Amino acid sequence: MEGNSIRVKFICVTVFLLFFLSSKAQRTNINGFSKQFSILTENDFYLFRGKDGYYTNGLVFNYGKVHHSRKAAFIKQVDQFEIGQKLFTPFSRKIYTVSQIDRPITGYLYGKFSRFDFMEHNQLFQWGISIGAIGKASLGEDMQNSFHRLINVNSSYWGWIWNYQLKSEPGMNLQGLYAKELLNTKTSLFQLTPVTKTTLGTTFTNFSQGIIFQFGKLKPLSESAYWDAALDDERSQLMKGSEIFFYYFPDLKYQLYNATVQGGLFRKDKGPIISGVKPLVLTQQLGALYSFGRYTLRIGIVFETKEAKSQRFNHTYGSIRGSYRFH
């Protein structure tokens, strides 16, 4: 049955890729593409290693649009509205006893608003606010069991682990990000961009510092599809050319609180299985991006060290994101 699951996901990913790769750029319009719709899907099965655990699945829908501002300090502002769900389980779907549960089980369902302020001197400041829930309220159990039934996996046999999921609790988080390009992309095929991020809230509280290495045909930060900045209400992006590059993004995060591991911050009964967090988590993203006309396709592999003290292994998963721009 696991083979059937892999084949179904392979077919879905193949269709997803063919849609973007077979799409040709549209004719240039007087008006630009001021809006964008994106879908992000993340899963460890995408690496075809037979793994199904930890951050086992993520699905995010994102809508962005250019925000009109009269402030001279901003080159461009982009607003984003996002809905997503992430599922966290033990190291494997095929476990048989409670003692094998090495990571707290939960889903995380959330909605988020973000604003991206692209400023002079190749700088970006982004802030956002999210509201979400962990535990049964996140609908993680319903999502995974429904999908397993769709691909003929016996949910009654493997779905018992959800009896041990974290207790439900809503949460709110504030997030900030600052990035600055260090090189001139107009004359260089290589770019370095330090990225500082912080999250403060009842679900997540952390701080991270990373640096993005990019190599290929690049655009400035305020126009790059990597930052969802390939939006312009004055002129079509088709007139500005395509973007294609490889990237490597190591990021070191210091965790103060993670409710998907430690349970709800304000609950006494957090759930049957909780864990302390690993203070330092190293995430490494390796991937490629291709953007042309209305479309962007980004494919990556993410390597992540243990988030929970109880975890047996590190984790690796695949990431695919497609975007469509329109008027």
C-alpha atoms as a PDB file:
ATOM      1  CA  MET A   1       0.000   0.000   0.000  1.00  0.00           C
ATOM      2  CA  GLU A   2       2.939   2.289   0.614  1.00  0.00           C
ATOM      3  CA  GLY A   3       3.922   1.743  -2.997  1.00  0.00           C
ATOM      4  CA  ASN A   4       0.443   2.883  -4.085  1.00  0.00           C
ATOM      5  CA  SER A   5       0.891   6.017  -1.992  1.00  0.00           C
ATOM      6  CA  ILE A   6       4.222   6.804  -3.610  1.00  0.00           C
ATOM      7  CA  ARG A   7       2.770   6.286  -7.094  1.00  0.00           C
ATOM      8  CA  VAL A   8      -0.217   8.545  -6.381  1.00  0.00           C
ATOM      9  CA  LYS A   9       2.009  11.324  -5.060  1.00  0.00           C
ATOM     10  CA  PHE A  10       4.422  10.880  -7.963  1.00  0.00           C
ATOM     11  CA  ILE A  11       1.528  11.282 -10.421  1.00  0.00           C
ATOM     12  CA  CYS A  12       0.265  14.394  -8.595  1.00  0.00           C
ATOM     13  CA  VAL A  13       3.719  15.978  -8.564  1.00  0.00           C
ATOM     14  CA  THR A  14       4.292  15.088 -12.234  1.00  0.00           C
ATOM     15  CA  VAL A  15       1.002  16.702 -13.291  1.00  0.00           C
ATOM     16  CA  PHE A  16       1.859  19.729 -11.171  1.00  0.00           C
ATOM     17  CA  LEU A  17       5.249  20.110 -12.861  1.00  0.00           C
ATOM     18  CA  LEU A  18       3.927  19.533 -16.366  1.00  0.00           C
ATOM     19  CA  PHE A  19       1.350  22.275 -15.900  1.00  0.00           C
ATOM     20  CA  PHE A  20       4.023  24.858 -15.237  1.00  0.00           C
ATOM     21  CA  LEU A  21       6.664  23.580 -17.610  1.00  0.00           C
ATOM     22  CA  SER A  22       4.225  23.264 -20.508  1.00  0.00           C
ATOM     23  CA  SER A  23       2.751  26.746 -19.976  1.00  0.00           C
ATOM     24  CA  LYS A  24       4.131  29.344 -22.353  1.00  0.00           C
ATOM     25  CA  ALA A  25       4.524  33.003 -21.624  1.00  0.00           C
ATOM     26  CA  GLN A  26       1.545  35.119 -22.590  1.00  0.00           C
ATOM     27  CA  ARG A  27       1.738  38.148 -24.851  1.00  0.00           C
ATOM     28  CA  THR A  28       2.977  41.321 -23.179  1.00  0.00           C
ATOM     29  CA  ASN A  29       0.246  43.539 -21.755  1.00  0.00           C
ATOM     30  CA  ILE A  30       0.268  47.241 -20.991  1.00  0.00           C
ATOM     31  CA  ASN A  31      -0.660  46.541 -17.389  1.00  0.00           C
ATOM     32  CA  GLY A  32       1.528  44.365 -15.227  1.00  0.00           C
ATOM     33  CA  PHE A  33       0.722  41.398 -13.014  1.00  0.00           C
ATOM     34  CA  SER A  34      -0.309  42.910  -9.687  1.00  0.00           C
ATOM     35  CA  LYS A  35      -1.673  39.721  -8.044  1.00  0.00           C
ATOM     36  CA  GLN A  36      -0.360  36.209  -7.433  1.00  0.00           C
ATOM     37  CA  PHE A  37      -1.734  32.876  -6.262  1.00  0.00           C
ATOM     38  CA  SER A  38       0.651  30.223  -4.929  1.00  0.00           C
ATOM     39  CA  ILE A  39       0.455  26.646  -3.688  1.00  0.00           C
ATOM     40  CA  LEU A  40       3.153  25.096  -1.514  1.00  0.00           C
ATOM     41  CA  THR A  41       3.266  21.367  -0.832  1.00  0.00           C
ATOM     42  CA  GLU A  42       5.876  19.703   1.390  1.00  0.00           C
ATOM     43  CA  ASN A  43       6.249  16.008   2.109  1.00  0.00           C
ATOM     44  CA  ASP A  44       9.039  13.560   2.907  1.00  0.00           C
ATOM     45  CA  PHE A  45       7.581  11.082   0.382  1.00  0.00           C
ATOM     46  CA  TYR A  46       8.637  13.447  -2.419  1.00  0.00           C
ATOM     47  CA  LEU A  47      12.201  12.203  -1.936  1.00  0.00           C
ATOM     48  CA  PHE A  48      11.119   8.591  -2.712  1.00  0.00           C
ATOM     49  CA  ARG A  49      12.958   7.220   0.315  1.00  0.00           C
ATOM     50  CA  GLY A  50       9.913   5.489   1.800  1.00  0.00           C
ATOM     51  CA  LYS A  51       9.818   7.868   4.781  1.00  0.00           C
ATOM     52  CA  ASP A  52       6.578   9.135   6.334  1.00  0.00           C
ATOM     53  CA  GLY A  53       7.119  10.920   9.631  1.00  0.00           C
ATOM     54  CA  TYR A  54       7.965  14.005  11.706  1.00  0.00           C
ATOM     55  CA  TYR A  55       6.917  17.002   9.551  1.00  0.00           C
ATOM     56  CA  THR A  56       5.080  14.559   7.362  1.00  0.00           C
ATOM     57  CA  ASN A  57       2.962  16.916   5.255  1.00  0.00           C
ATOM     58  CA  GLY A  58       2.370  20.600   4.646  1.00  0.00           C
ATOM     59  CA  LEU A  59      -0.099  22.342   2.352  1.00  0.00           C
ATOM     60  CA  VAL A  60      -0.214  26.147   2.048  1.00  0.00           C
ATOM     61  CA  PHE A  61      -2.348  28.435  -0.143  1.00  0.00           C
ATOM     62  CA  ASN A  62      -1.129  32.000  -0.612  1.00  0.00           C
ATOM     63  CA  TYR A  63      -2.607  35.079  -2.286  1.00  0.00           C
ATOM     64  CA  GLY A  64      -0.477  38.183  -2.762  1.00  0.00           C
ATOM     65  CA  LYS A  65      -1.036  41.609  -4.291  1.00  0.00           C
ATOM     66  CA  VAL A  66       0.850  44.860  -4.718  1.00  0.00           C
ATOM     67  CA  HIS A  67       0.008  47.358  -1.982  1.00  0.00           C
ATOM     68  CA  HIS A  68      -0.088  50.999  -3.023  1.00  0.00           C
ATOM     69  CA  SER A  69       1.920  53.270  -0.729  1.00  0.00           C
ATOM     70  CA  ARG A  70       2.818  56.915  -1.040  1.00  0.00           C
ATOM     71  CA  LYS A  71       5.806  56.585   1.259  1.00  0.00           C
ATOM     72  CA  ALA A  72       8.988  57.394  -0.635  1.00  0.00           C
ATOM     73  CA  ALA A  73      11.018  54.972   1.463  1.00  0.00           C
ATOM     74  CA  PHE A  74       9.396  51.953  -0.204  1.00  0.00           C
ATOM     75  CA  ILE A  75      10.174  50.751  -3.715  1.00  0.00           C
ATOM     76  CA  LYS A  76       7.302  48.312  -3.489  1.00  0.00           C
ATOM     77  CA  GLN A  77       4.960  46.794  -0.907  1.00  0.00           C
ATOM     78  CA  VAL A  78       3.285  43.408  -1.234  1.00  0.00           C
ATOM     79  CA  ASP A  79       0.461  42.093   0.971  1.00  0.00           C
ATOM     80  CA  GLN A  80      -0.004  38.342   1.405  1.00  0.00           C
ATOM     81  CA  PHE A  81      -2.887  36.294   2.792  1.00  0.00           C
ATOM     82  CA  GLU A  82      -2.100  32.683   3.644  1.00  0.00           C
ATOM     83  CA  ILE A  83      -3.934  29.574   4.850  1.00  0.00           C
ATOM     84  CA  GLY A  84      -1.965  26.469   5.713  1.00  0.00           C
ATOM     85  CA  GLN A  85      -1.921  23.154   7.517  1.00  0.00           C
ATOM     86  CA  LYS A  86       1.087  21.183   8.749  1.00  0.00           C
ATOM     87  CA  LEU A  87       1.117  17.663  10.200  1.00  0.00           C
ATOM     88  CA  PHE A  88       3.611  16.300  12.734  1.00  0.00           C
ATOM     89  CA  THR A  89       3.884  12.595  13.619  1.00  0.00           C
ATOM     90  CA  PRO A  90       6.466  10.077  14.926  1.00  0.00           C
ATOM     91  CA  PHE A  91       9.455   8.947  12.854  1.00  0.00           C
ATOM     92  CA  SER A  92       7.360   6.424  10.900  1.00  0.00           C
ATOM     93  CA  ARG A  93       3.759   5.631  10.058  1.00  0.00           C
ATOM     94  CA  LYS A  94       4.495   1.963  10.651  1.00  0.00           C
ATOM     95  CA  ILE A  95       4.785   1.839  14.418  1.00  0.00           C
ATOM     96  CA  TYR A  96       2.952  -0.580  16.691  1.00  0.00           C
ATOM     97  CA  THR A  97       3.332   0.589  20.301  1.00  0.00           C
ATOM     98  CA  VAL A  98       3.008   3.870  22.187  1.00  0.00           C
ATOM     99  CA  SER A  99       6.648   3.614  23.265  1.00  0.00           C
ATOM    100  CA  GLN A 100       7.682   4.109  19.616  1.00  0.00           C
ATOM    101  CA  ILE A 101       6.114   7.579  19.472  1.00  0.00           C
ATOM    102  CA  ASP A 102       9.247   9.724  19.576  1.00  0.00           C
ATOM    103  CA  ARG A 103       7.706  13.087  18.597  1.00  0.00           C
ATOM    104  CA  PRO A 104       4.473  14.658  19.875  1.00  0.00           C
ATOM    105  CA  ILE A 105       1.613  14.236  17.403  1.00  0.00           C
ATOM    106  CA  THR A 106      -0.395  17.192  16.165  1.00  0.00           C
ATOM    107  CA  GLY A 107      -1.561  19.223  13.261  1.00  0.00           C
ATOM    108  CA  TYR A 108      -1.164  22.974  12.979  1.00  0.00           C
ATOM    109  CA  LEU A 109      -3.865  24.900  11.087  1.00  0.00           C
ATOM    110  CA  TYR A 110      -3.401  28.636  10.630  1.00  0.00           C
ATOM    111  CA  GLY A 111      -4.244  31.821   8.754  1.00  0.00           C
ATOM    112  CA  LYS A 112      -1.669  34.560   8.259  1.00  0.00           C
ATOM    113  CA  PHE A 113      -1.328  38.115   6.970  1.00  0.00           C
ATOM    114  CA  SER A 114       2.096  39.447   5.927  1.00  0.00           C
ATOM    115  CA  ARG A 115       3.392  42.679   4.441  1.00  0.00           C
ATOM    116  CA  PHE A 116       6.643  42.820   2.482  1.00  0.00           C
ATOM    117  CA  ASP A 117       8.296  46.261   2.398  1.00  0.00           C
ATOM    118  CA  PHE A 118      10.962  46.448  -0.316  1.00  0.00           C
ATOM    119  CA  MET A 119      13.227  49.388   0.407  1.00  0.00           C
ATOM    120  CA  GLU A 120      16.179  51.146  -1.186  1.00  0.00           C
ATOM    121  CA  HIS A 121      19.682  49.684  -0.991  1.00  0.00           C
ATOM    122  CA  ASN A 122      18.385  46.131  -1.646  1.00  0.00           C
ATOM    123  CA  GLN A 123      16.616  45.770   1.690  1.00  0.00           C
ATOM    124  CA  LEU A 124      13.477  43.915   2.719  1.00  0.00           C
ATOM    125  CA  PHE A 125      11.495  44.218   5.920  1.00  0.00           C
ATOM    126  CA  GLN A 126       8.597  41.817   6.353  1.00  0.00           C
ATOM    127  CA  TRP A 127       6.135  41.606   9.239  1.00  0.00           C
ATOM    128  CA  GLY A 128       3.148  39.374   9.801  1.00  0.00           C
ATOM    129  CA  ILE A 129       0.533  38.090  12.214  1.00  0.00           C
ATOM    130  CA  SER A 130      -0.940  34.597  12.327  1.00  0.00           C
ATOM    131  CA  ILE A 131      -3.790  32.907  14.175  1.00  0.00           C
ATOM    132  CA  GLY A 132      -3.970  29.129  14.369  1.00  0.00           C
ATOM    133  CA  ALA A 133      -4.591  26.015  16.442  1.00  0.00           C
ATOM    134  CA  ILE A 134      -2.860  22.787  17.377  1.00  0.00           C
ATOM    135  CA  GLY A 135      -4.406  19.473  18.427  1.00  0.00           C
ATOM    136  CA  LYS A 136      -7.737  18.128  17.256  1.00  0.00           C
ATOM    137  CA  ALA A 137      -8.893  21.640  16.304  1.00  0.00           C
ATOM    138  CA  SER A 138      -6.212  21.690  13.598  1.00  0.00           C
ATOM    139  CA  LEU A 139      -8.057  18.906  11.691  1.00  0.00           C
ATOM    140  CA  GLY A 140      -4.756  17.086  11.230  1.00  0.00           C
ATOM    141  CA  GLU A 141      -6.234  13.689  12.070  1.00  0.00           C
ATOM    142  CA  ASP A 142      -9.101  14.204   9.609  1.00  0.00           C
ATOM    143  CA  MET A 143      -6.756  15.311   6.843  1.00  0.00           C
ATOM    144  CA  GLN A 144      -4.290  12.441   7.155  1.00  0.00           C
ATOM    145  CA  ASN A 145      -6.912   9.728   7.567  1.00  0.00           C
ATOM    146  CA  SER A 146      -8.932  11.064   4.627  1.00  0.00           C
ATOM    147  CA  PHE A 147      -5.857  11.074   2.409  1.00  0.00           C
ATOM    148  CA  HIS A 148      -4.846   7.587   3.521  1.00  0.00           C
ATOM    149  CA  ARG A 149      -8.318   6.291   2.648  1.00  0.00           C
ATOM    150  CA  LEU A 150      -8.030   7.971  -0.755  1.00  0.00           C
ATOM    151  CA  ILE A 151      -4.826   6.051  -1.524  1.00  0.00           C
ATOM    152  CA  ASN A 152      -6.130   2.780  -0.006  1.00  0.00           C
ATOM    153  CA  VAL A 153      -4.102   2.926   3.203  1.00  0.00           C
ATOM    154  CA  ASN A 154      -5.963   1.408   6.157  1.00  0.00           C
ATOM    155  CA  SER A 155      -6.515   4.392   8.478  1.00  0.00           C
ATOM    156  CA  SER A 156      -8.051   2.231  11.204  1.00  0.00           C
ATOM    157  CA  TYR A 157      -4.820   0.223  11.318  1.00  0.00           C
ATOM    158  CA  TRP A 158      -2.265   3.038  11.195  1.00  0.00           C
ATOM    159  CA  GLY A 159      -4.360   5.972  12.437  1.00  0.00           C
ATOM    160  CA  TRP A 160      -4.365   4.887  16.084  1.00  0.00           C
ATOM    161  CA  ILE A 161      -1.476   7.267  16.850  1.00  0.00           C
ATOM    162  CA  TRP A 162      -3.887  10.222  16.683  1.00  0.00           C
ATOM    163  CA  ASN A 163      -5.428   8.999  19.952  1.00  0.00           C
ATOM    164  CA  TYR A 164      -2.225  10.389  21.506  1.00  0.00           C
ATOM    165  CA  GLN A 165      -2.181  13.792  19.828  1.00  0.00           C
ATOM    166  CA  LEU A 166      -1.703  17.051  21.717  1.00  0.00           C
ATOM    167  CA  LYS A 167      -4.698  18.770  23.262  1.00  0.00           C
ATOM    168  CA  SER A 168      -6.273  21.596  21.246  1.00  0.00           C
ATOM    169  CA  GLU A 169      -5.289  25.192  21.873  1.00  0.00           C
ATOM    170  CA  PRO A 170      -5.589  28.342  19.725  1.00  0.00           C
ATOM    171  CA  GLY A 171      -2.600  30.640  19.390  1.00  0.00           C
ATOM    172  CA  MET A 172      -1.420  33.906  17.913  1.00  0.00           C
ATOM    173  CA  ASN A 173       2.049  34.814  16.663  1.00  0.00           C
ATOM    174  CA  LEU A 174       3.849  37.909  15.423  1.00  0.00           C
ATOM    175  CA  GLN A 175       6.669  37.514  12.930  1.00  0.00           C
ATOM    176  CA  GLY A 176       9.371  39.798  11.563  1.00  0.00           C
ATOM    177  CA  LEU A 177      12.065  39.370   8.899  1.00  0.00           C
ATOM    178  CA  TYR A 178      14.905  41.533   7.626  1.00  0.00           C
ATOM    179  CA  ALA A 179      17.036  40.735   4.568  1.00  0.00           C
ATOM    180  CA  LYS A 180      19.668  42.699   2.666  1.00  0.00           C
ATOM    181  CA  GLU A 181      21.453  41.740  -0.538  1.00  0.00           C
ATOM    182  CA  LEU A 182      25.214  42.215  -0.349  1.00  0.00           C
ATOM    183  CA  LEU A 183      26.040  42.140  -4.072  1.00  0.00           C
ATOM    184  CA  ASN A 184      24.747  43.877  -7.188  1.00  0.00           C
ATOM    185  CA  THR A 185      22.611  41.340  -9.073  1.00  0.00           C
ATOM    186  CA  LYS A 186      22.690  43.447 -12.242  1.00  0.00           C
ATOM    187  CA  THR A 187      26.349  42.620 -12.771  1.00  0.00           C
ATOM    188  CA  SER A 188      26.757  39.355 -10.877  1.00  0.00           C
ATOM    189  CA  LEU A 189      25.606  35.752 -11.265  1.00  0.00           C
ATOM    190  CA  PHE A 190      26.166  35.204  -7.533  1.00  0.00           C
ATOM    191  CA  GLN A 191      24.322  36.699  -4.589  1.00  0.00           C
ATOM    192  CA  LEU A 192      24.612  36.638  -0.791  1.00  0.00           C
ATOM    193  CA  THR A 193      21.636  37.664   1.336  1.00  0.00           C
ATOM    194  CA  PRO A 194      21.745  37.478   5.152  1.00  0.00           C
ATOM    195  CA  VAL A 195      18.269  36.868   6.618  1.00  0.00           C
ATOM    196  CA  THR A 196      17.229  37.573  10.206  1.00  0.00           C
ATOM    197  CA  LYS A 197      13.876  36.237  11.434  1.00  0.00           C
ATOM    198  CA  THR A 198      12.024  36.313  14.715  1.00  0.00           C
ATOM    199  CA  THR A 199       8.673  34.915  15.860  1.00  0.00           C
ATOM    200  CA  LEU A 200       6.981  35.855  19.126  1.00  0.00           C
ATOM    201  CA  GLY A 201       3.740  34.232  20.196  1.00  0.00           C
ATOM    202  CA  THR A 202       1.868  31.553  22.078  1.00  0.00           C
ATOM    203  CA  THR A 203       2.505  28.831  19.488  1.00  0.00           C
ATOM    204  CA  PHE A 204       6.081  29.640  18.457  1.00  0.00           C
ATOM    205  CA  THR A 205       8.750  31.841  19.968  1.00  0.00           C
ATOM    206  CA  ASN A 206      12.125  31.734  18.251  1.00  0.00           C
ATOM    207  CA  PHE A 207      14.939  33.681  16.633  1.00  0.00           C
ATOM    208  CA  SER A 208      16.973  32.649  13.598  1.00  0.00           C
ATOM    209  CA  GLN A 209      19.850  33.850  11.473  1.00  0.00           C
ATOM    210  CA  GLY A 210      20.694  32.516   8.037  1.00  0.00           C
ATOM    211  CA  ILE A 211      22.259  33.455   4.738  1.00  0.00           C
ATOM    212  CA  ILE A 212      21.051  32.670   1.215  1.00  0.00           C
ATOM    213  CA  PHE A 213      23.547  31.785  -1.511  1.00  0.00           C
ATOM    214  CA  GLN A 214      22.138  32.181  -5.040  1.00  0.00           C
ATOM    215  CA  PHE A 215      23.796  31.370  -8.371  1.00  0.00           C
ATOM    216  CA  GLY A 216      22.344  31.855 -11.832  1.00  0.00           C
ATOM    217  CA  LYS A 217      20.290  34.423 -13.709  1.00  0.00           C
ATOM    218  CA  LEU A 218      19.216  36.723 -10.888  1.00  0.00           C
ATOM    219  CA  LYS A 219      17.044  39.779 -10.322  1.00  0.00           C
ATOM    220  CA  PRO A 220      17.316  42.394  -7.581  1.00  0.00           C
ATOM    221  CA  LEU A 221      15.571  41.560  -4.324  1.00  0.00           C
ATOM    222  CA  SER A 222      12.688  43.963  -5.059  1.00  0.00           C
ATOM    223  CA  GLU A 223      11.908  42.115  -8.332  1.00  0.00           C
ATOM    224  CA  SER A 224      12.831  38.527  -7.479  1.00  0.00           C
ATOM    225  CA  ALA A 225      10.245  35.742  -7.491  1.00  0.00           C
ATOM    226  CA  TYR A 226      12.111  34.167  -4.564  1.00  0.00           C
ATOM    227  CA  TRP A 227      10.685  36.962  -2.390  1.00  0.00           C
ATOM    228  CA  ASP A 228       7.316  37.018  -4.220  1.00  0.00           C
ATOM    229  CA  ALA A 229       8.324  40.384  -5.670  1.00  0.00           C
ATOM    230  CA  ALA A 230       7.660  39.547  -9.346  1.00  0.00           C
ATOM    231  CA  LEU A 231       4.564  41.749  -9.162  1.00  0.00           C
ATOM    232  CA  ASP A 232       4.187  45.119 -10.828  1.00  0.00           C
ATOM    233  CA  ASP A 233       1.023  47.066 -11.612  1.00  0.00           C
ATOM    234  CA  GLU A 234       2.785  49.347 -14.087  1.00  0.00           C
ATOM    235  CA  ARG A 235       4.420  47.036 -16.581  1.00  0.00           C
ATOM    236  CA  SER A 236       4.357  43.337 -17.403  1.00  0.00           C
ATOM    237  CA  GLN A 237       7.143  41.272 -15.876  1.00  0.00           C
ATOM    238  CA  LEU A 238       7.484  39.605 -19.267  1.00  0.00           C
ATOM    239  CA  MET A 239       9.323  42.716 -20.417  1.00  0.00           C
ATOM    240  CA  LYS A 240      11.866  42.264 -17.636  1.00  0.00           C
ATOM    241  CA  GLY A 241      13.001  38.768 -18.562  1.00  0.00           C
ATOM    242  CA  SER A 242      13.044  35.437 -16.761  1.00  0.00           C
ATOM    243  CA  GLU A 243      14.816  34.323 -13.617  1.00  0.00           C
ATOM    244  CA  ILE A 244      16.504  30.967 -13.074  1.00  0.00           C
ATOM    245  CA  PHE A 245      18.954  30.042 -10.334  1.00  0.00           C
ATOM    246  CA  PHE A 246      20.054  27.529  -7.698  1.00  0.00           C
ATOM    247  CA  TYR A 247      20.052  28.418  -4.024  1.00  0.00           C
ATOM    248  CA  TYR A 248      21.402  27.163  -0.703  1.00  0.00           C
ATOM    249  CA  PHE A 249      19.956  28.550   2.522  1.00  0.00           C
ATOM    250  CA  PRO A 250      21.423  27.436   5.883  1.00  0.00           C
ATOM    251  CA  ASP A 251      19.505  28.849   8.853  1.00  0.00           C
ATOM    252  CA  LEU A 252      20.225  28.417  12.571  1.00  0.00           C
ATOM    253  CA  LYS A 253      17.196  28.826  14.838  1.00  0.00           C
ATOM    254  CA  TYR A 254      17.093  29.266  18.592  1.00  0.00           C
ATOM    255  CA  GLN A 255      13.810  27.927  20.024  1.00  0.00           C
ATOM    256  CA  LEU A 256      12.241  29.276  23.191  1.00  0.00           C
ATOM    257  CA  TYR A 257       8.832  27.655  22.683  1.00  0.00           C
ATOM    258  CA  ASN A 258       7.250  25.321  20.143  1.00  0.00           C
ATOM    259  CA  ALA A 259       3.672  24.269  20.917  1.00  0.00           C
ATOM    260  CA  THR A 260       3.748  21.446  18.332  1.00  0.00           C
ATOM    261  CA  VAL A 261       6.392  19.831  20.596  1.00  0.00           C
ATOM    262  CA  GLN A 262       5.608  21.127  24.090  1.00  0.00           C
ATOM    263  CA  GLY A 263       1.842  21.413  23.865  1.00  0.00           C
ATOM    264  CA  GLY A 264      -0.392  24.443  24.414  1.00  0.00           C
ATOM    265  CA  LEU A 265       1.289  27.211  26.409  1.00  0.00           C
ATOM    266  CA  PHE A 266      -1.713  27.874  28.661  1.00  0.00           C
ATOM    267  CA  ARG A 267      -2.919  24.288  29.133  1.00  0.00           C
ATOM    268  CA  LYS A 268      -2.183  22.242  32.234  1.00  0.00           C
ATOM    269  CA  ASP A 269      -3.166  19.056  30.418  1.00  0.00           C
ATOM    270  CA  LYS A 270      -1.099  19.486  27.266  1.00  0.00           C
ATOM    271  CA  GLY A 271      -1.595  15.958  25.979  1.00  0.00           C
ATOM    272  CA  PRO A 272      -0.526  12.357  26.606  1.00  0.00           C
ATOM    273  CA  ILE A 273       2.887  12.752  24.935  1.00  0.00           C
ATOM    274  CA  ILE A 274       4.941  15.960  25.000  1.00  0.00           C
ATOM    275  CA  SER A 275       8.650  16.741  24.799  1.00  0.00           C
ATOM    276  CA  GLY A 276      11.121  19.469  25.512  1.00  0.00           C
ATOM    277  CA  VAL A 277      12.586  21.337  22.559  1.00  0.00           C
ATOM    278  CA  LYS A 278      16.097  21.273  21.199  1.00  0.00           C
ATOM    279  CA  PRO A 279      17.249  24.866  21.701  1.00  0.00           C
ATOM    280  CA  LEU A 280      19.202  25.002  18.441  1.00  0.00           C
ATOM    281  CA  VAL A 281      17.776  23.732  15.148  1.00  0.00           C
ATOM    282  CA  LEU A 282      19.753  23.891  11.913  1.00  0.00           C
ATOM    283  CA  THR A 283      17.704  23.958   8.710  1.00  0.00           C
ATOM    284  CA  GLN A 284      19.378  23.719   5.296  1.00  0.00           C
ATOM    285  CA  GLN A 285      17.432  24.332   2.087  1.00  0.00           C
ATOM    286  CA  LEU A 286      18.834  23.352  -1.286  1.00  0.00           C
ATOM    287  CA  GLY A 287      16.840  24.019  -4.435  1.00  0.00           C
ATOM    288  CA  ALA A 288      16.178  25.723  -7.749  1.00  0.00           C
ATOM    289  CA  LEU A 289      13.780  28.409  -8.958  1.00  0.00           C
ATOM    290  CA  TYR A 290      12.526  29.203 -12.456  1.00  0.00           C
ATOM    291  CA  SER A 291      10.315  32.235 -13.045  1.00  0.00           C
ATOM    292  CA  PHE A 292       8.992  33.506 -16.386  1.00  0.00           C
ATOM    293  CA  GLY A 293       5.983  35.561 -17.392  1.00  0.00           C
ATOM    294  CA  ARG A 294       3.044  34.610 -15.219  1.00  0.00           C
ATOM    295  CA  TYR A 295       4.670  31.563 -13.641  1.00  0.00           C
ATOM    296  CA  THR A 296       7.162  30.576 -10.956  1.00  0.00           C
ATOM    297  CA  LEU A 297       8.210  27.054 -10.016  1.00  0.00           C
ATOM    298  CA  ARG A 298      10.442  26.351  -7.026  1.00  0.00           C
ATOM    299  CA  ILE A 299      11.666  22.886  -6.032  1.00  0.00           C
ATOM    300  CA  GLY A 300      13.787  22.163  -2.976  1.00  0.00           C
ATOM    301  CA  ILE A 301      15.082  19.679  -0.435  1.00  0.00           C
ATOM    302  CA  VAL A 302      15.089  20.612   3.246  1.00  0.00           C
ATOM    303  CA  PHE A 303      17.441  19.087   5.816  1.00  0.00           C
ATOM    304  CA  GLU A 304      16.489  19.735   9.439  1.00  0.00           C
ATOM    305  CA  THR A 305      18.025  18.674  12.744  1.00  0.00           C
ATOM    306  CA  LYS A 306      15.871  17.505  15.653  1.00  0.00           C
ATOM    307  CA  GLU A 307      13.194  19.911  16.939  1.00  0.00           C
ATOM    308  CA  ALA A 308      12.238  17.774  19.949  1.00  0.00           C
ATOM    309  CA  LYS A 309      14.516  16.224  22.559  1.00  0.00           C
ATOM    310  CA  SER A 310      12.630  12.942  22.184  1.00  0.00           C
ATOM    311  CA  GLN A 311      13.266  12.659  18.405  1.00  0.00           C
ATOM    312  CA  ARG A 312      15.416   9.737  17.309  1.00  0.00           C
ATOM    313  CA  PHE A 313      16.516  11.132  13.968  1.00  0.00           C
ATOM    314  CA  ASN A 314      17.009  14.279  11.945  1.00  0.00           C
ATOM    315  CA  HIS A 315      14.509  14.936   9.165  1.00  0.00           C
ATOM    316  CA  THR A 316      14.599  15.515   5.398  1.00  0.00           C
ATOM    317  CA  TYR A 317      11.673  16.396   3.126  1.00  0.00           C
ATOM    318  CA  GLY A 318      10.859  17.754  -0.322  1.00  0.00           C
ATOM    319  CA  SER A 319       9.242  21.092  -1.122  1.00  0.00           C
ATOM    320  CA  ILE A 320       7.390  22.215  -4.281  1.00  0.00           C
ATOM    321  CA  ARG A 321       5.884  25.673  -4.788  1.00  0.00           C
ATOM    322  CA  GLY A 322       4.083  26.963  -7.856  1.00  0.00           C
ATOM    323  CA  SER A 323       2.845  30.524  -8.462  1.00  0.00           C
ATOM    324  CA  TYR A 324       0.561  32.124 -11.043  1.00  0.00           C
ATOM    325  CA  ARG A 325       0.458  35.894 -11.553  1.00  0.00           C
ATOM    326  CA  PHE A 326      -2.470  37.805 -12.995  1.00  0.00           C
ATOM    327  CA  HIS A 327      -3.969  41.298 -13.309  1.00  0.00           C
END
